[in-house]
Amino acid sequence: MTDPAYTASTALLEALREAGARYAFANLGSDHTGIMETYARAASAGSPDSLPELILCPHESVALSAAHGYAQVSGEPQAVIVHVDCGTQNLGGAVHNASRGRVPVLIFAGLSPATQAGELPGSRTEHIHWLQDSADQRGMLRGYAKYDQEIRTGRNVKELVHRAMQIARSEPAGPVYLVAAREVLEEQLPPQPPPGRGWNPVTPAALVPEIVDEIAADLESARDPLVVTSYLGRDQAAVPELVRLCELAAVGVIESVPGHVNFPDDHPLHLGYQWNRPGQNPALARADVILVLGSDVPWIPVHNRPDPAARIYVIDPDPLKEQLPLWHVPARRHARADLAVAVRQLADRLAGRGRLNQAAVQERAAGVGATHDEQRARWAAQEQPGPGGEITPEYLVACVRDGVGQAAGAEALFLNEAISNYHVVSEHLRASRPGSLITSGGGSLGWAGGAAVGAKLAAPERTVVSLVGDGSYLFSVPSSVHWTARRYRAPSLTVILDNQGWKSPSLSTLAVRPDGELARGGFAASFRPEADLPGVAAAAGGAHARTVTDAAELPGAISQALDQVAAGRSAVLSVHVPPV
């Protein structure tokens, strides 16, 4: 029999929990009446465990970024609930980040009621129900969601949720989007059982034996083999497999636009990082065999490219980047495979064949190791205040690294959204432990604020530290971030590399017009007059807030902030670096 207390909203929320969503990060609206009633009844009955825990986020982009960060750290898909077309649009660039970062997350939004004269429970009762009725609400996310669907009846809501989660979790992972009108969400139903088995993600794919043999033979004959990777470390189990492969054949590794720890920074085969800085990478130019293992942008051809004669192999869960309209790598093979599985196959085949020239491998390892050591010595020499005592980005990141290392050690988790200083964080943080560093994986600013909340909820025992630019901090909606962090006891340290302006657009202009008027100082995208950036977090979330301009004060300020975080209070340091 139909239970008047059990509605399609109840079935929806139960299905989210059944499918693995520990939390529902939500910004609620008039379309969520059934959802709010379900949570109210669960609270009154003292039985909320069948539902995702509700995390209220006063801004939708914070909600999605928090789900994004939680999924990155835990590996578990999460849910986001937003309000009709307005809340969907307010997700903004966070949807781009979840898509490009290959993060499994289910986004649910209501639709304006489909009836206007009381024909069904949930019919229109407010003037906004006419104004928020859009022609194609699902189309707003269709360029980024792997799957979108409208729930038209509560009778199959659980099936649709589990199907959506299955698609979200299958590689290449990504966001999915479900919508339903209020009348559907208010539909009374008999309690709905779970939809049965068969909703696991697609089994990881392997390389076919012929491709394994071909790549192994090329590695055996290679003079200067090279791996280029960006997100192999999404799967932490893939990192030791890559180390084993590279040690077998003395293969150097470049991390290009890294979103994770893909290869230990302290390993002698690590040859550094590629971001946007112009100039040819000598290791890339010299390589005769290149394995591109999980990378959207392995190099930027306008100023950095491999030798045309190099034998290139692209191995990736998404080897053709089907959502990117313009993309090409001139590879001999583009192979779709799980990276951990594929790298293990290659290492096993190399070890089993026994055809590597060990003298050549040892000589190559020594040469790559010497380059690694010279590179690290050069970076270490940069970790000083400027000649006038100013705080350089290199010195700042080194101080954060050392301060956090002493306070939190192996438990630290770093989020990098430093934008024009992305490369500085990569080079000076020295991240070597898989899972200790993440980025959004996309190109929209503001991810780190909400992601820090989600990351802390996923790993409450870890110290979460975000390194961000002043622009990305402002994009994160810090008032919403720090209110949410305080309410749900998810403290973190945010360090702002504050150059008092937008540096990245200036760098983009200089790359196109190196001799233009901008280069002569004709314009600066300044944030003057300066805002009290940490003060926003203090006002909204009671955070410890401090601005640092003196290099001598920096280590102590970092130590004090970490003490505050350890005591359960978020901290924000705005550190002045040379201005735009």
Protein backbone atom coordinates (compact mmCIF):
# COMPACT_ATOMS: atom_id res chain seq x y z
CA MET A 1 0.00 0.00 0.00
CA THR A 2 1.03 3.60 -0.54
CA ASP A 3 2.56 5.22 2.53
CA PRO A 4 1.55 8.92 2.72
CA ALA A 5 4.91 9.68 4.30
CA TYR A 6 6.86 7.93 1.52
CA THR A 7 7.28 9.94 -1.68
CA ALA A 8 9.46 9.97 -4.76
CA SER A 9 11.70 12.40 -2.85
CA THR A 10 12.25 9.69 -0.22
CA ALA A 11 13.08 7.15 -2.90
CA LEU A 12 15.47 9.61 -4.57
CA LEU A 13 17.40 10.25 -1.37
CA GLU A 14 17.50 6.57 -0.42
CA ALA A 15 18.84 5.74 -3.88
CA LEU A 16 21.61 8.31 -3.56
CA ARG A 17 22.71 6.71 -0.29
CA GLU A 18 22.44 3.19 -1.74
CA ALA A 19 24.61 4.27 -4.68
CA GLY A 20 27.40 5.47 -2.37
CA ALA A 21 26.70 9.15 -1.71
CA ARG A 22 27.67 9.75 1.93
CA TYR A 23 26.70 13.42 1.63
CA ALA A 24 24.29 15.59 -0.32
CA PHE A 25 25.81 19.06 -0.68
CA ALA A 26 22.77 21.24 -1.12
CA ASN A 27 21.40 24.69 -1.83
CA LEU A 28 17.67 24.30 -1.33
CA GLY A 29 14.70 25.97 -3.04
CA SER A 30 10.96 25.85 -3.64
CA ASP A 31 11.32 22.74 -5.82
CA HIS A 32 12.65 20.70 -2.88
CA THR A 33 9.54 20.55 -0.69
CA GLY A 34 9.43 16.76 -0.77
CA ILE A 35 13.17 16.53 -0.06
CA MET A 36 12.95 18.88 2.92
CA GLU A 37 9.93 17.00 4.28
CA THR A 38 11.82 13.71 3.96
CA TYR A 39 14.75 15.05 5.96
CA ALA A 40 12.39 16.53 8.55
CA ARG A 41 10.59 13.20 9.01
CA ALA A 42 13.91 11.31 9.26
CA ALA A 43 15.13 13.72 11.93
CA SER A 44 11.91 13.42 13.91
CA ALA A 45 12.02 9.64 13.70
CA GLY A 46 15.71 9.52 14.61
CA SER A 47 16.48 7.41 11.52
CA PRO A 48 18.54 9.50 9.08
CA ASP A 49 21.05 6.76 8.19
CA SER A 50 19.16 5.71 5.05
CA LEU A 51 19.67 9.19 3.57
CA PRO A 52 22.80 11.10 2.56
CA GLU A 53 23.82 13.55 5.28
CA LEU A 54 22.71 17.02 4.20
CA ILE A 55 25.49 19.62 3.97
CA LEU A 56 23.97 23.06 3.47
CA CYS A 57 26.07 25.32 1.23
CA PRO A 58 24.95 28.94 0.76
CA HIS A 59 26.30 28.92 -2.79
CA GLU A 60 25.94 26.22 -5.42
CA SER A 61 29.51 26.38 -6.73
CA VAL A 62 30.73 25.72 -3.19
CA ALA A 63 28.42 22.71 -2.98
CA LEU A 64 29.74 21.18 -6.19
CA SER A 65 33.37 22.00 -5.37
CA ALA A 66 32.93 20.35 -1.97
CA ALA A 67 31.49 17.21 -3.59
CA HIS A 68 34.37 17.36 -6.07
CA GLY A 69 36.99 17.51 -3.31
CA TYR A 70 35.31 14.76 -1.30
CA ALA A 71 35.20 12.44 -4.32
CA GLN A 72 38.84 13.16 -5.19
CA VAL A 73 40.05 12.24 -1.71
CA SER A 74 37.70 9.35 -0.94
CA GLY A 75 37.17 7.90 -4.41
CA GLU A 76 33.44 7.80 -3.63
CA PRO A 77 30.83 9.63 -5.75
CA GLN A 78 28.82 12.32 -4.02
CA ALA A 79 25.54 14.17 -4.62
CA VAL A 80 24.74 17.84 -5.13
CA ILE A 81 21.21 19.26 -4.88
CA VAL A 82 20.46 22.64 -6.48
CA HIS A 83 17.42 24.77 -7.26
CA VAL A 84 15.88 24.61 -10.79
CA ASP A 85 17.49 26.66 -13.58
CA CYS A 86 18.88 29.37 -11.30
CA GLY A 87 20.77 26.97 -9.07
CA THR A 88 21.96 25.01 -12.08
CA GLN A 89 23.43 28.15 -13.64
CA ASN A 90 24.96 29.14 -10.31
CA LEU A 91 27.05 25.97 -10.43
CA GLY A 92 29.06 27.90 -12.98
CA GLY A 93 32.59 26.79 -13.67
CA ALA A 94 32.41 24.09 -10.99
CA VAL A 95 30.66 21.87 -13.56
CA HIS A 96 33.50 22.47 -16.00
CA ASN A 97 35.99 21.45 -13.30
CA ALA A 98 34.12 18.27 -12.40
CA SER A 99 33.94 17.32 -16.07
CA ARG A 100 37.55 18.07 -16.98
CA GLY A 101 38.76 16.63 -13.67
CA ARG A 102 36.85 13.39 -14.34
CA VAL A 103 35.10 13.47 -10.97
CA PRO A 104 32.06 11.25 -10.29
CA VAL A 105 29.26 13.38 -8.89
CA LEU A 106 25.48 13.32 -9.31
CA ILE A 107 23.79 16.71 -9.60
CA PHE A 108 20.05 16.85 -8.98
CA ALA A 109 17.86 19.88 -9.68
CA GLY A 110 14.14 20.38 -9.52
CA LEU A 111 12.08 21.70 -12.38
CA SER A 112 9.35 24.30 -12.14
CA PRO A 113 6.04 22.58 -11.42
CA ALA A 114 4.39 21.23 -14.54
CA THR A 115 0.84 22.21 -13.51
CA GLN A 116 -0.59 25.58 -12.53
CA ALA A 117 -4.14 25.07 -11.30
CA GLY A 118 -3.72 22.58 -8.46
CA GLU A 119 -4.19 19.51 -10.64
CA LEU A 120 -1.54 17.57 -8.66
CA PRO A 121 0.19 17.91 -5.30
CA GLY A 122 3.13 20.26 -5.85
CA SER A 123 1.38 22.44 -8.45
CA ARG A 124 2.56 26.04 -8.83
CA THR A 125 2.09 28.23 -5.76
CA GLU A 126 4.65 31.04 -6.21
CA HIS A 127 5.31 33.61 -8.93
CA ILE A 128 8.85 32.30 -9.46
CA HIS A 129 7.46 29.02 -10.75
CA TRP A 130 6.58 30.78 -14.01
CA LEU A 131 9.81 32.77 -14.19
CA GLN A 132 12.08 29.77 -13.52
CA ASP A 133 10.53 27.57 -16.19
CA SER A 134 13.17 27.27 -18.93
CA ALA A 135 12.91 25.70 -22.36
CA ASP A 136 15.80 23.26 -21.89
CA GLN A 137 17.16 23.21 -18.37
CA ARG A 138 19.08 19.99 -18.97
CA GLY A 139 20.77 21.62 -21.93
CA MET A 140 22.54 24.03 -19.56
CA LEU A 141 24.88 21.20 -18.50
CA ARG A 142 24.80 18.98 -21.55
CA GLY A 143 28.23 20.10 -22.73
CA TYR A 144 29.77 18.83 -19.49
CA ALA A 145 27.56 16.09 -18.04
CA LYS A 146 28.19 12.51 -19.14
CA TYR A 147 24.47 11.80 -18.81
CA ASP A 148 21.33 13.84 -18.22
CA GLN A 149 17.77 12.67 -17.68
CA GLU A 150 14.40 13.79 -16.37
CA ILE A 151 12.70 11.69 -13.71
CA ARG A 152 9.08 11.50 -14.84
CA THR A 153 7.68 9.14 -12.22
CA GLY A 154 8.71 8.02 -8.76
CA ARG A 155 8.19 4.40 -9.80
CA ASN A 156 11.60 4.19 -11.47
CA VAL A 157 13.51 6.90 -9.61
CA LYS A 158 15.86 4.41 -7.96
CA GLU A 159 16.70 2.78 -11.27
CA LEU A 160 17.53 6.16 -12.82
CA VAL A 161 19.70 7.23 -9.87
CA HIS A 162 21.69 3.98 -9.91
CA ARG A 163 22.10 4.16 -13.69
CA ALA A 164 23.32 7.76 -13.43
CA MET A 165 25.81 6.84 -10.70
CA GLN A 166 27.04 3.86 -12.73
CA ILE A 167 27.76 6.16 -15.65
CA ALA A 168 29.37 8.79 -13.39
CA ARG A 169 31.75 6.22 -11.87
CA SER A 170 32.74 4.46 -15.09
CA GLU A 171 35.95 5.73 -16.67
CA PRO A 172 36.34 8.35 -17.88
CA ALA A 173 34.37 9.39 -14.80
CA GLY A 174 32.41 12.63 -14.67
CA PRO A 175 29.30 14.50 -13.53
CA VAL A 176 25.74 13.43 -14.32
CA TYR A 177 22.56 15.48 -14.07
CA LEU A 178 19.02 14.48 -13.09
CA VAL A 179 15.96 16.73 -12.88
CA ALA A 180 12.34 16.30 -11.77
CA ALA A 181 9.28 18.50 -11.43
CA ARG A 182 7.84 19.15 -7.98
CA GLU A 183 4.72 17.09 -8.70
CA VAL A 184 6.94 14.06 -9.35
CA LEU A 185 8.93 14.63 -6.17
CA GLU A 186 5.68 14.86 -4.18
CA GLU A 187 4.30 11.62 -5.67
CA GLN A 188 3.25 9.16 -2.94
CA LEU A 189 4.57 5.63 -3.36
CA PRO A 190 4.84 2.31 -1.61
CA PRO A 191 8.35 2.09 -0.13
CA GLN A 192 10.76 1.30 -2.95
CA PRO A 193 13.36 -1.47 -2.55
CA PRO A 194 16.89 -1.08 -3.95
CA PRO A 195 16.90 -1.89 -7.67
CA GLY A 196 19.00 -5.05 -7.35
CA ARG A 197 22.52 -5.87 -8.51
CA GLY A 198 24.40 -4.91 -11.65
CA TRP A 199 25.12 -1.23 -11.06
CA ASN A 200 28.89 -1.39 -10.64
CA PRO A 201 31.08 0.80 -12.86
CA VAL A 202 32.55 -0.67 -16.02
CA THR A 203 35.44 -3.06 -15.36
CA PRO A 204 38.88 -1.46 -15.94
CA ALA A 205 40.18 -2.07 -19.45
CA ALA A 206 43.57 -3.58 -20.32
CA LEU A 207 45.88 -3.20 -23.32
CA VAL A 208 45.63 -5.94 -25.94
CA PRO A 209 48.78 -8.15 -25.94
CA GLU A 210 49.93 -6.94 -29.37
CA ILE A 211 50.16 -3.32 -28.15
CA VAL A 212 51.96 -4.38 -24.99
CA ASP A 213 54.56 -6.20 -27.10
CA GLU A 214 54.95 -3.26 -29.48
CA ILE A 215 55.51 -0.72 -26.70
CA ALA A 216 57.83 -3.06 -24.81
CA ALA A 217 59.96 -3.54 -27.92
CA ASP A 218 60.21 0.22 -28.45
CA LEU A 219 61.23 0.75 -24.82
CA GLU A 220 63.90 -1.94 -25.14
CA SER A 221 65.45 -0.24 -28.17
CA ALA A 222 64.96 3.34 -27.01
CA ARG A 223 67.84 5.75 -26.54
CA ASP A 224 65.94 8.34 -24.44
CA PRO A 225 62.49 7.07 -23.43
CA LEU A 226 60.16 9.45 -21.62
CA VAL A 227 56.81 9.36 -19.81
CA VAL A 228 54.54 12.42 -19.82
CA THR A 229 51.62 12.33 -17.41
CA SER A 230 49.10 14.68 -15.82
CA TYR A 231 46.56 12.61 -13.90
CA LEU A 232 47.80 9.03 -13.66
CA GLY A 233 47.84 9.63 -9.88
CA ARG A 234 44.04 9.93 -9.77
CA ASP A 235 44.41 6.22 -9.00
CA GLN A 236 47.02 6.10 -6.27
CA ALA A 237 47.68 2.43 -7.03
CA ALA A 238 49.01 3.45 -10.47
CA VAL A 239 51.91 5.46 -9.03
CA PRO A 240 54.04 2.56 -7.70
CA GLU A 241 53.37 0.69 -10.94
CA LEU A 242 54.76 3.64 -12.91
CA VAL A 243 57.80 3.78 -10.61
CA ARG A 244 58.43 0.08 -11.28
CA LEU A 245 58.14 0.50 -15.05
CA CYS A 246 60.43 3.52 -15.14
CA GLU A 247 63.06 1.92 -12.92
CA LEU A 248 63.15 -1.19 -15.12
CA ALA A 249 64.06 0.83 -18.23
CA ALA A 250 65.43 4.08 -16.70
CA VAL A 251 62.58 6.13 -18.18
CA GLY A 252 62.46 9.80 -17.21
CA VAL A 253 59.13 11.35 -16.21
CA ILE A 254 57.72 14.82 -16.89
CA GLU A 255 54.50 15.90 -15.18
CA SER A 256 52.60 18.20 -17.52
CA VAL A 257 49.90 20.33 -15.88
CA PRO A 258 49.78 17.82 -13.01
CA GLY A 259 46.54 17.44 -11.10
CA HIS A 260 47.90 14.81 -8.72
CA VAL A 261 51.13 13.26 -7.49
CA ASN A 262 51.77 11.08 -10.51
CA PHE A 263 55.42 10.22 -9.78
CA PRO A 264 57.41 10.97 -6.62
CA ASP A 265 59.13 14.36 -6.90
CA ASP A 266 62.14 13.07 -4.97
CA HIS A 267 62.72 10.13 -7.33
CA PRO A 268 65.89 10.56 -9.46
CA LEU A 269 63.92 9.78 -12.64
CA HIS A 270 61.60 12.76 -12.10
CA LEU A 271 62.48 15.45 -14.68
CA GLY A 272 60.21 18.26 -13.53
CA TYR A 273 56.98 19.95 -14.51
CA GLN A 274 55.47 21.65 -17.55
CA TRP A 275 52.92 24.42 -17.17
CA ASN A 276 52.44 27.48 -19.39
CA ARG A 277 55.94 28.93 -19.34
CA PRO A 278 57.29 29.24 -22.91
CA GLY A 279 60.41 27.41 -24.01
CA GLN A 280 61.34 23.99 -25.31
CA ASN A 281 61.72 21.25 -22.73
CA PRO A 282 65.06 19.60 -23.61
CA ALA A 283 63.98 16.20 -22.29
CA LEU A 284 60.89 16.26 -24.52
CA ALA A 285 62.92 17.34 -27.55
CA ARG A 286 65.51 14.59 -26.94
CA ALA A 287 63.08 11.72 -26.35
CA ASP A 288 62.78 9.06 -29.04
CA VAL A 289 60.00 7.02 -27.37
CA ILE A 290 57.26 8.85 -25.43
CA LEU A 291 54.47 7.32 -23.40
CA VAL A 292 51.65 9.79 -22.74
CA LEU A 293 49.96 8.20 -19.73
CA GLY A 294 46.87 10.16 -18.73
CA SER A 295 47.25 13.72 -20.00
CA ASP A 296 44.97 16.22 -21.69
CA VAL A 297 47.83 18.63 -22.52
CA PRO A 298 51.11 16.70 -22.68
CA TRP A 299 52.81 19.70 -24.30
CA ILE A 300 51.89 23.05 -25.90
CA PRO A 301 53.01 22.75 -29.53
CA VAL A 302 53.41 26.48 -30.21
CA HIS A 303 56.61 26.54 -28.15
CA ASN A 304 57.29 23.01 -26.85
CA ARG A 305 57.00 19.80 -28.80
CA PRO A 306 58.70 16.42 -29.27
CA ASP A 307 60.96 15.45 -32.13
CA PRO A 308 58.81 14.63 -35.20
CA ALA A 309 60.55 11.26 -35.40
CA ALA A 310 59.67 10.29 -31.83
CA ARG A 311 57.53 7.19 -31.41
CA ILE A 312 54.57 8.33 -29.29
CA TYR A 313 51.97 6.18 -27.54
CA VAL A 314 48.86 7.64 -25.88
CA ILE A 315 47.35 5.40 -23.20
CA ASP A 316 44.33 6.81 -21.40
CA PRO A 317 40.80 5.97 -20.29
CA ASP A 318 39.84 8.73 -22.76
CA PRO A 319 42.54 8.56 -25.46
CA LEU A 320 40.77 10.79 -28.00
CA LYS A 321 39.43 13.42 -25.54
CA GLU A 322 35.98 13.14 -27.04
CA GLN A 323 34.61 16.18 -25.18
CA LEU A 324 37.42 18.47 -26.42
CA PRO A 325 36.55 19.85 -29.89
CA LEU A 326 40.17 20.56 -30.92
CA TRP A 327 42.78 18.03 -29.80
CA HIS A 328 45.45 15.91 -31.43
CA VAL A 329 48.66 14.12 -30.46
CA PRO A 330 50.54 12.53 -33.39
CA ALA A 331 50.81 9.11 -31.78
CA ARG A 332 51.53 5.73 -33.33
CA ARG A 333 48.78 4.28 -31.14
CA HIS A 334 45.91 5.72 -29.12
CA ALA A 335 44.92 3.00 -26.65
CA ARG A 336 41.97 3.04 -24.26
CA ALA A 337 42.99 1.39 -20.99
CA ASP A 338 43.01 1.77 -17.24
CA LEU A 339 46.36 3.37 -16.42
CA ALA A 340 47.28 1.19 -13.46
CA VAL A 341 46.43 -1.96 -15.41
CA ALA A 342 48.28 -0.82 -18.55
CA VAL A 343 51.44 0.26 -16.73
CA ARG A 344 51.49 -3.02 -14.79
CA GLN A 345 51.16 -4.92 -18.06
CA LEU A 346 54.11 -3.05 -19.57
CA ALA A 347 56.32 -3.53 -16.52
CA ASP A 348 55.51 -7.22 -16.35
CA ARG A 349 56.25 -7.66 -20.04
CA LEU A 350 59.59 -5.84 -19.85
CA ALA A 351 60.63 -7.85 -16.81
CA GLY A 352 59.49 -11.12 -18.38
CA ARG A 353 61.17 -10.64 -21.75
CA GLY A 354 64.60 -9.94 -20.26
CA ARG A 355 65.76 -8.03 -23.34
CA LEU A 356 66.76 -4.70 -21.79
CA ASN A 357 70.39 -3.71 -22.22
CA GLN A 358 71.32 -3.33 -18.57
CA ALA A 359 74.50 -1.33 -19.25
CA ALA A 360 72.51 1.16 -21.33
CA VAL A 361 69.78 1.30 -18.66
CA GLN A 362 72.34 2.08 -15.93
CA GLU A 363 74.03 4.75 -18.02
CA ARG A 364 70.70 6.38 -18.83
CA ALA A 365 69.62 6.28 -15.18
CA ALA A 366 72.80 8.07 -14.17
CA GLY A 367 72.25 10.79 -16.77
CA VAL A 368 68.60 11.33 -15.83
CA GLY A 369 69.53 11.36 -12.14
CA ALA A 370 72.17 14.02 -12.71
CA THR A 371 69.61 16.21 -14.48
CA HIS A 372 67.18 15.67 -11.62
CA ASP A 373 69.77 16.68 -9.02
CA GLU A 374 70.81 19.80 -10.92
CA GLN A 375 67.19 20.80 -11.33
CA ARG A 376 66.42 20.43 -7.63
CA ALA A 377 69.55 22.33 -6.60
CA ARG A 378 68.51 25.20 -8.87
CA TRP A 379 65.02 25.24 -7.39
CA ALA A 380 66.35 25.15 -3.82
CA ALA A 381 68.52 28.21 -4.52
CA GLN A 382 65.37 30.17 -5.38
CA GLU A 383 63.79 29.62 -1.96
CA GLN A 384 64.90 32.95 -0.52
CA PRO A 385 63.27 36.33 0.08
CA GLY A 386 63.80 38.89 -2.69
CA PRO A 387 66.74 41.30 -2.67
CA GLY A 388 64.60 43.93 -0.95
CA GLY A 389 63.28 41.49 1.64
CA GLU A 390 60.01 40.90 -0.21
CA ILE A 391 58.30 37.53 0.01
CA THR A 392 58.84 35.62 -3.23
CA PRO A 393 56.41 32.86 -4.23
CA GLU A 394 59.26 30.35 -4.07
CA TYR A 395 60.13 31.34 -0.50
CA LEU A 396 56.46 31.30 0.49
CA VAL A 397 55.84 27.78 -0.80
CA ALA A 398 59.06 26.54 0.84
CA CYS A 399 57.95 28.01 4.18
CA VAL A 400 54.54 26.38 3.87
CA ARG A 401 56.16 23.06 2.93
CA ASP A 402 58.53 23.12 5.89
CA GLY A 403 55.97 24.44 8.37
CA VAL A 404 53.31 21.92 7.42
CA GLY A 405 55.88 19.12 7.32
CA GLN A 406 56.89 19.81 10.89
CA ALA A 407 53.30 20.18 12.12
CA ALA A 408 51.38 17.60 10.10
CA GLY A 409 53.94 15.39 8.37
CA ALA A 410 52.50 12.62 6.23
CA GLU A 411 48.94 13.59 7.16
CA ALA A 412 48.99 16.80 5.12
CA LEU A 413 46.86 17.19 1.99
CA PHE A 414 47.61 20.12 -0.32
CA LEU A 415 45.21 21.75 -2.78
CA ASN A 416 46.88 23.78 -5.52
CA GLU A 417 44.94 26.61 -7.17
CA ALA A 418 47.76 29.14 -7.36
CA ILE A 419 47.14 29.82 -11.09
CA SER A 420 50.07 32.00 -12.24
CA ASN A 421 52.15 30.26 -9.56
CA TYR A 422 51.00 26.73 -10.34
CA HIS A 423 54.54 25.86 -11.43
CA VAL A 424 56.03 27.35 -8.26
CA VAL A 425 53.85 25.12 -6.09
CA SER A 426 54.78 22.08 -8.19
CA GLU A 427 58.50 22.76 -8.02
CA HIS A 428 58.82 23.81 -4.38
CA LEU A 429 56.25 21.74 -2.53
CA ARG A 430 58.23 18.56 -3.38
CA ALA A 431 55.16 16.34 -3.19
CA SER A 432 56.18 12.70 -3.38
CA ARG A 433 53.44 10.74 -1.62
CA PRO A 434 50.50 9.64 -3.80
CA GLY A 435 47.34 11.44 -2.80
CA SER A 436 49.11 14.33 -1.04
CA LEU A 437 48.41 16.98 -3.71
CA ILE A 438 45.40 17.66 -5.92
CA THR A 439 44.14 20.35 -8.28
CA SER A 440 40.70 20.79 -9.81
CA GLY A 441 41.74 19.18 -13.08
CA GLY A 442 39.92 21.96 -14.92
CA GLY A 443 40.29 25.60 -15.79
CA SER A 444 37.63 27.43 -13.78
CA LEU A 445 38.72 29.32 -10.69
CA GLY A 446 37.29 28.96 -7.20
CA TRP A 447 37.48 25.18 -6.74
CA ALA A 448 39.81 25.07 -3.74
CA GLY A 449 37.50 26.76 -1.24
CA GLY A 450 34.68 24.23 -1.41
CA ALA A 451 37.06 21.39 -2.24
CA ALA A 452 38.90 21.95 1.05
CA VAL A 453 35.61 21.47 2.92
CA GLY A 454 34.88 18.24 1.03
CA ALA A 455 38.45 17.00 1.42
CA LYS A 456 38.36 17.52 5.19
CA LEU A 457 35.03 15.72 5.48
CA ALA A 458 36.52 12.82 3.50
CA ALA A 459 39.71 12.70 5.59
CA PRO A 460 39.07 14.37 8.96
CA GLU A 461 42.39 13.13 10.34
CA ARG A 462 44.43 15.04 7.74
CA THR A 463 45.59 18.65 7.73
CA VAL A 464 44.17 20.30 4.61
CA VAL A 465 46.14 23.20 3.14
CA SER A 466 45.09 25.23 0.09
CA LEU A 467 47.57 27.34 -1.88
CA VAL A 468 45.56 29.81 -3.96
CA GLY A 469 45.87 33.10 -5.81
CA ASP A 470 43.95 36.15 -4.69
CA GLY A 471 41.73 35.87 -7.76
CA SER A 472 40.92 32.19 -7.19
CA TYR A 473 40.22 32.93 -3.51
CA LEU A 474 37.64 35.57 -4.48
CA PHE A 475 36.07 33.23 -7.06
CA SER A 476 35.59 30.57 -4.37
CA VAL A 477 32.83 32.59 -2.63
CA PRO A 478 34.84 32.61 0.62
CA SER A 479 31.94 33.83 2.74
CA SER A 480 29.97 30.69 1.85
CA VAL A 481 33.06 28.44 2.11
CA HIS A 482 33.99 29.48 5.63
CA TRP A 483 30.44 29.49 6.95
CA THR A 484 30.09 25.92 5.71
CA ALA A 485 33.48 24.91 7.11
CA ARG A 486 32.60 26.22 10.57
CA ARG A 487 29.12 24.66 10.64
CA TYR A 488 30.35 21.21 9.61
CA ARG A 489 33.65 21.29 11.53
CA ALA A 490 35.88 21.09 8.47
CA PRO A 491 38.76 23.46 9.26
CA SER A 492 41.64 24.02 6.85
CA LEU A 493 44.48 26.44 6.19
CA THR A 494 44.22 28.71 3.15
CA VAL A 495 47.38 30.51 2.04
CA ILE A 496 46.77 33.24 -0.53
CA LEU A 497 49.66 34.14 -2.83
CA ASP A 498 48.43 37.71 -2.97
CA ASN A 499 49.92 39.71 -5.85
CA GLN A 500 47.07 42.22 -5.55
CA GLY A 501 45.74 41.64 -9.04
CA TRP A 502 45.11 39.35 -11.97
CA LYS A 503 48.51 38.25 -13.20
CA SER A 504 47.41 35.41 -15.47
CA PRO A 505 45.56 37.57 -18.05
CA SER A 506 48.66 39.75 -18.27
CA LEU A 507 50.82 36.67 -18.90
CA SER A 508 48.38 35.54 -21.59
CA THR A 509 48.61 38.95 -23.28
CA LEU A 510 52.40 38.95 -23.13
CA ALA A 511 52.50 35.49 -24.71
CA VAL A 512 50.64 36.84 -27.74
CA ARG A 513 52.04 40.41 -27.75
CA PRO A 514 55.46 40.31 -26.09
CA ASP A 515 56.34 43.79 -27.45
CA GLY A 516 52.96 45.45 -26.99
CA GLU A 517 51.89 48.34 -24.82
CA LEU A 518 51.12 46.06 -21.88
CA ALA A 519 54.77 44.94 -21.87
CA ARG A 520 55.76 48.59 -21.50
CA GLY A 521 53.60 48.96 -18.41
CA GLY A 522 50.57 50.52 -20.06
CA PHE A 523 48.02 48.53 -18.06
CA ALA A 524 47.76 46.33 -14.98
CA ALA A 525 44.74 44.30 -13.84
CA SER A 526 45.15 45.49 -10.26
CA PHE A 527 42.93 44.75 -7.25
CA ARG A 528 43.64 48.14 -5.71
CA PRO A 529 42.29 49.36 -3.37
CA GLU A 530 43.16 46.19 -1.51
CA ALA A 531 40.40 44.21 0.18
CA ASP A 532 40.86 42.47 3.52
CA LEU A 533 40.72 38.98 2.04
CA PRO A 534 41.26 37.03 5.30
CA GLY A 535 38.73 39.31 7.00
CA VAL A 536 35.98 37.84 4.83
CA ALA A 537 36.67 34.39 6.29
CA ALA A 538 36.83 35.80 9.81
CA ALA A 539 33.49 37.55 9.45
CA ALA A 540 31.64 34.66 7.81
CA GLY A 541 33.24 31.67 9.52
CA GLY A 542 35.18 32.87 12.54
CA ALA A 543 38.46 31.97 10.86
CA HIS A 544 41.87 33.01 12.10
CA ALA A 545 42.79 35.83 9.70
CA ARG A 546 46.12 37.51 9.05
CA THR A 547 47.89 39.42 6.29
CA VAL A 548 51.67 38.97 6.08
CA THR A 549 53.98 41.40 4.28
CA ASP A 550 57.32 40.79 6.06
CA ALA A 551 59.42 37.76 5.12
CA ALA A 552 60.77 37.51 8.65
CA GLU A 553 57.25 37.05 10.03
CA LEU A 554 56.18 34.37 7.58
CA PRO A 555 57.38 31.14 9.30
CA GLY A 556 55.83 32.21 12.61
CA ALA A 557 52.57 33.21 10.94
CA ILE A 558 52.32 29.80 9.26
CA SER A 559 53.03 28.01 12.55
CA GLN A 560 50.39 30.06 14.36
CA ALA A 561 47.82 29.37 11.62
CA LEU A 562 48.49 25.62 11.74
CA ASP A 563 47.99 25.64 15.50
CA GLN A 564 44.59 27.24 14.95
CA VAL A 565 43.63 24.59 12.40
CA ALA A 566 44.75 21.81 14.75
CA ALA A 567 42.47 23.34 17.38
CA GLY A 568 39.49 23.11 15.02
CA ARG A 569 39.41 26.62 13.54
CA SER A 570 40.03 27.50 9.90
CA ALA A 571 42.84 29.93 9.13
CA VAL A 572 43.46 32.24 6.18
CA LEU A 573 46.80 33.90 5.51
CA SER A 574 47.06 36.54 2.80
CA VAL A 575 50.75 36.73 1.96
CA HIS A 576 51.88 39.65 -0.18
CA VAL A 577 54.14 38.61 -3.04
CA PRO A 578 55.47 41.02 -5.71
CA PRO A 579 52.42 42.77 -7.20
CA VAL A 580 51.09 42.59 -10.73
